[in-house]
Every structure is written in structure tokens, then in C-alpha cells.
C-alpha atoms as a PDB file:
ATOM      1  CA  MET A   1     -30.716   4.178   9.765  1.00  0.00           C
ATOM      2  CA  THR A   2     -33.381   6.893   9.560  1.00  0.00           C
ATOM      3  CA  GLU A   3     -32.614  10.317  10.876  1.00  0.00           C
ATOM      4  CA  TYR A   4     -34.759  11.461  13.821  1.00  0.00           C
ATOM      5  CA  SER A   5     -35.033  14.819  15.427  1.00  0.00           C
ATOM      6  CA  GLN A   6     -33.888  15.300  18.978  1.00  0.00           C
ATOM      7  CA  GLN A   7     -37.448  15.741  20.058  1.00  0.00           C
ATOM      8  CA  GLU A   8     -38.415  12.386  18.476  1.00  0.00           C
ATOM      9  CA  ILE A   9     -35.506  10.662  20.128  1.00  0.00           C
ATOM     10  CA  GLU A  10     -36.401  12.074  23.559  1.00  0.00           C
ATOM     11  CA  TYR A  11     -40.065  11.016  23.152  1.00  0.00           C
ATOM     12  CA  ALA A  12     -38.936   7.489  22.070  1.00  0.00           C
ATOM     13  CA  PHE A  13     -36.612   7.327  25.137  1.00  0.00           C
ATOM     14  CA  GLU A  14     -39.561   8.305  27.480  1.00  0.00           C
ATOM     15  CA  THR A  15     -41.595   5.559  25.898  1.00  0.00           C
ATOM     16  CA  PHE A  16     -38.771   3.106  26.198  1.00  0.00           C
ATOM     17  CA  THR A  17     -38.210   3.817  29.922  1.00  0.00           C
ATOM     18  CA  THR A  18     -41.957   3.441  30.521  1.00  0.00           C
ATOM     19  CA  GLY A  19     -41.846   0.127  28.680  1.00  0.00           C
ATOM     20  CA  VAL A  20     -38.851  -1.100  30.699  1.00  0.00           C
ATOM     21  CA  GLN A  21     -40.646  -0.195  33.943  1.00  0.00           C
ATOM     22  CA  GLU A  22     -43.815  -2.018  32.871  1.00  0.00           C
ATOM     23  CA  MET A  23     -41.717  -5.111  31.857  1.00  0.00           C
ATOM     24  CA  LEU A  24     -40.010  -5.148  35.277  1.00  0.00           C
ATOM     25  CA  ASP A  25     -43.372  -4.827  37.079  1.00  0.00           C
ATOM     26  CA  ALA A  26     -44.940  -7.617  35.008  1.00  0.00           C
ATOM     27  CA  HIS A  27     -41.960  -9.844  35.659  1.00  0.00           C
ATOM     28  CA  ARG A  28     -42.082  -9.201  39.380  1.00  0.00           C
ATOM     29  CA  GLU A  29     -45.799  -9.893  39.542  1.00  0.00           C
ATOM     30  CA  GLU A  30     -45.479 -13.180  37.692  1.00  0.00           C
ATOM     31  CA  HIS A  31     -42.283 -14.596  39.133  1.00  0.00           C
ATOM     32  CA  LEU A  32     -41.451 -12.729  42.334  1.00  0.00           C
ATOM     33  CA  PRO A  33     -44.703 -11.339  43.806  1.00  0.00           C
ATOM     34  CA  ASN A  34     -43.345 -11.163  47.353  1.00  0.00           C
ATOM     35  CA  LEU A  35     -40.439  -8.833  46.539  1.00  0.00           C
ATOM     36  CA  ASP A  36     -40.571  -5.064  46.603  1.00  0.00           C
ATOM     37  CA  ARG A  37     -40.923  -3.208  43.372  1.00  0.00           C
ATOM     38  CA  THR A  38     -37.743  -2.454  41.311  1.00  0.00           C
ATOM     39  CA  LEU A  39     -37.714   1.042  39.898  1.00  0.00           C
ATOM     40  CA  ILE A  40     -35.860   2.391  36.893  1.00  0.00           C
ATOM     41  CA  LYS A  41     -34.488   5.869  37.378  1.00  0.00           C
ATOM     42  CA  VAL A  42     -32.829   8.013  34.681  1.00  0.00           C
ATOM     43  CA  ARG A  43     -29.567   9.797  35.286  1.00  0.00           C
ATOM     44  CA  PRO A  44     -28.844  12.109  32.430  1.00  0.00           C
ATOM     45  CA  GLY A  45     -25.249  12.776  31.416  1.00  0.00           C
ATOM     46  CA  SER A  46     -23.687  14.851  28.633  1.00  0.00           C
ATOM     47  CA  LYS A  47     -23.784  12.080  26.008  1.00  0.00           C
ATOM     48  CA  TYR A  48     -25.902   9.282  27.529  1.00  0.00           C
ATOM     49  CA  TRP A  49     -28.943   8.608  29.601  1.00  0.00           C
ATOM     50  CA  LYS A  50     -28.005   6.048  32.281  1.00  0.00           C
ATOM     51  CA  LEU A  51     -30.834   3.720  33.359  1.00  0.00           C
ATOM     52  CA  VAL A  52     -30.386   2.767  37.016  1.00  0.00           C
ATOM     53  CA  ARG A  53     -32.299  -0.171  38.570  1.00  0.00           C
ATOM     54  CA  THR A  54     -32.994   0.490  42.242  1.00  0.00           C
ATOM     55  CA  HIS A  55     -33.943  -2.340  44.491  1.00  0.00           C
ATOM     56  CA  HIS A  56     -32.165  -2.476  47.917  1.00  0.00           C
ATOM     57  CA  GLY A  57     -29.259  -0.650  46.275  1.00  0.00           C
ATOM     58  CA  GLU A  58     -28.586   0.474  42.721  1.00  0.00           C
ATOM     59  CA  SER A  59     -27.141  -1.138  39.568  1.00  0.00           C
ATOM     60  CA  VAL A  60     -26.883   0.060  36.011  1.00  0.00           C
ATOM     61  CA  PHE A  61     -29.509  -1.421  33.717  1.00  0.00           C
ATOM     62  CA  GLY A  62     -28.111   0.165  30.523  1.00  0.00           C
ATOM     63  CA  PHE A  63     -27.245   3.310  28.598  1.00  0.00           C
ATOM     64  CA  VAL A  64     -28.981   5.189  25.786  1.00  0.00           C
ATOM     65  CA  ARG A  65     -26.998   7.649  23.594  1.00  0.00           C
ATOM     66  CA  LYS A  66     -28.769  10.966  23.439  1.00  0.00           C
ATOM     67  CA  SER A  67     -27.750  11.851  19.857  1.00  0.00           C
ATOM     68  CA  ASP A  68     -29.386   8.880  18.131  1.00  0.00           C
ATOM     69  CA  GLY A  69     -31.164   6.710  20.794  1.00  0.00           C
ATOM     70  CA  ALA A  70     -28.687   3.810  20.573  1.00  0.00           C
ATOM     71  CA  ILE A  71     -29.037   1.248  23.461  1.00  0.00           C
ATOM     72  CA  PHE A  72     -25.881  -0.092  25.073  1.00  0.00           C
ATOM     73  CA  LYS A  73     -25.014  -2.555  27.870  1.00  0.00           C
ATOM     74  CA  PRO A  74     -23.057  -1.177  30.767  1.00  0.00           C
ATOM     75  CA  ALA A  75     -19.291  -1.659  30.832  1.00  0.00           C
ATOM     76  CA  SER A  76     -19.140  -0.146  34.327  1.00  0.00           C
ATOM     77  CA  TRP A  77     -21.121   2.097  36.665  1.00  0.00           C
ATOM     78  CA  SER A  78     -20.205   5.186  34.666  1.00  0.00           C
ATOM     79  CA  ALA A  79     -19.725   4.032  31.081  1.00  0.00           C
ATOM     80  CA  PRO A  80     -21.382   2.007  28.356  1.00  0.00           C
ATOM     81  CA  PHE A  81     -19.793  -0.891  26.465  1.00  0.00           C
ATOM     82  CA  VAL A  82     -19.087   0.793  23.129  1.00  0.00           C
ATOM     83  CA  LYS A  83     -16.283  -1.324  21.586  1.00  0.00           C
ATOM     84  CA  GLY A  84     -16.782  -3.522  18.578  1.00  0.00           C
ATOM     85  CA  PRO A  85     -19.450  -3.842  15.920  1.00  0.00           C
ATOM     86  CA  SER A  86     -21.978  -5.382  18.369  1.00  0.00           C
ATOM     87  CA  ALA A  87     -21.899  -2.585  20.926  1.00  0.00           C
ATOM     88  CA  ILE A  88     -25.271  -1.127  19.819  1.00  0.00           C
ATOM     89  CA  ARG A  89     -28.049  -3.480  20.937  1.00  0.00           C
ATOM     90  CA  GLY A  90     -30.875  -1.545  19.392  1.00  0.00           C
ATOM     91  CA  TYR A  91     -32.473   1.874  19.148  1.00  0.00           C
ATOM     92  CA  VAL A  92     -35.249   3.497  21.175  1.00  0.00           C
ATOM     93  CA  THR A  93     -36.612   4.701  17.773  1.00  0.00           C
ATOM     94  CA  ASP A  94     -37.078   1.017  16.561  1.00  0.00           C
ATOM     95  CA  PRO A  95     -40.655   0.013  15.772  1.00  0.00           C
ATOM     96  CA  ASN A  96     -40.954  -1.774  19.170  1.00  0.00           C
ATOM     97  CA  ASN A  97     -39.245   1.256  20.951  1.00  0.00           C
ATOM     98  CA  GLY A  98     -36.121  -0.880  21.589  1.00  0.00           C
ATOM     99  CA  MET A  99     -37.902  -3.429  23.826  1.00  0.00           C
ATOM    100  CA  SER A 100     -36.373  -6.344  21.966  1.00  0.00           C
ATOM    101  CA  SER A 101     -33.040  -5.076  23.232  1.00  0.00           C
ATOM    102  CA  VAL A 102     -33.832  -5.604  26.921  1.00  0.00           C
ATOM    103  CA  THR A 103     -35.007  -8.297  29.394  1.00  0.00           C
ATOM    104  CA  PRO A 104     -35.950  -7.925  32.988  1.00  0.00           C
ATOM    105  CA  TYR A 105     -32.341  -8.451  33.810  1.00  0.00           C
ATOM    106  CA  GLY A 106     -30.835  -5.780  31.590  1.00  0.00           C
ATOM    107  CA  VAL A 107     -29.760  -5.073  28.046  1.00  0.00           C
ATOM    108  CA  VAL A 108     -29.345  -8.207  25.943  1.00  0.00           C
ATOM    109  CA  TYR A 109     -26.100  -9.676  24.927  1.00  0.00           C
ATOM    110  CA  ALA A 110     -25.156  -9.470  21.259  1.00  0.00           C
ATOM    111  CA  ARG A 111     -26.840 -11.979  19.057  1.00  0.00           C
END
């Protein structure tokens, strides 16, 4: 894996969250046009950014590790799933900004 500066990781994370929001908007327009818009909010923690999906309540969409931009599925409301070799689903610094690691429903399962 290539080393990235913290500034590069933060920029890639912003691009990733914008891409996730655009993906959710496009999915809603195509499949669920009568529903209210689902928003992605970022809740920063000490080690991870938590992406929270808000739509008539809140649920965790996924986590991104601040130190290297690794993308994780949620294990619970407050923690990512980090056990095992398949815990990391991608990186926000990947060529597609980590978008192959997510669907409109959340972070992908390990392949």
C-alpha cells in the first residue's frame, strides 16, 4: 500500500463521502422516487470517521480509519468490524475513491 499524507487521506475521505451521497441520491431517484432523501452525516471519533445514514432515524453506514483511509463495515453502532483478514473492504485513497467498497445499502461484504 502506498503511503499518503494525512491531508491526502482527509481529501480522499471528503471525496468518498460526496460519492456515497451521490450514489444514494441516484439510487433513490431511480428506485424509490417517492421517499424522502437519505443523508450521510459524518461523526468524527478519535480513530475513525463514522458515516451515519439518516432517514426517519439513524443507522451506521460504515467506518473509515483516519490514519490510512481504510473502509470497514460496522460491527455495532459504536465500532467497526476489524477482526480477520477481510475486515478492510477498501481504501478511500483507491483509484475510484473507495466507491467499489460500498453499495446504496452500506459497505460491501468481503469477497
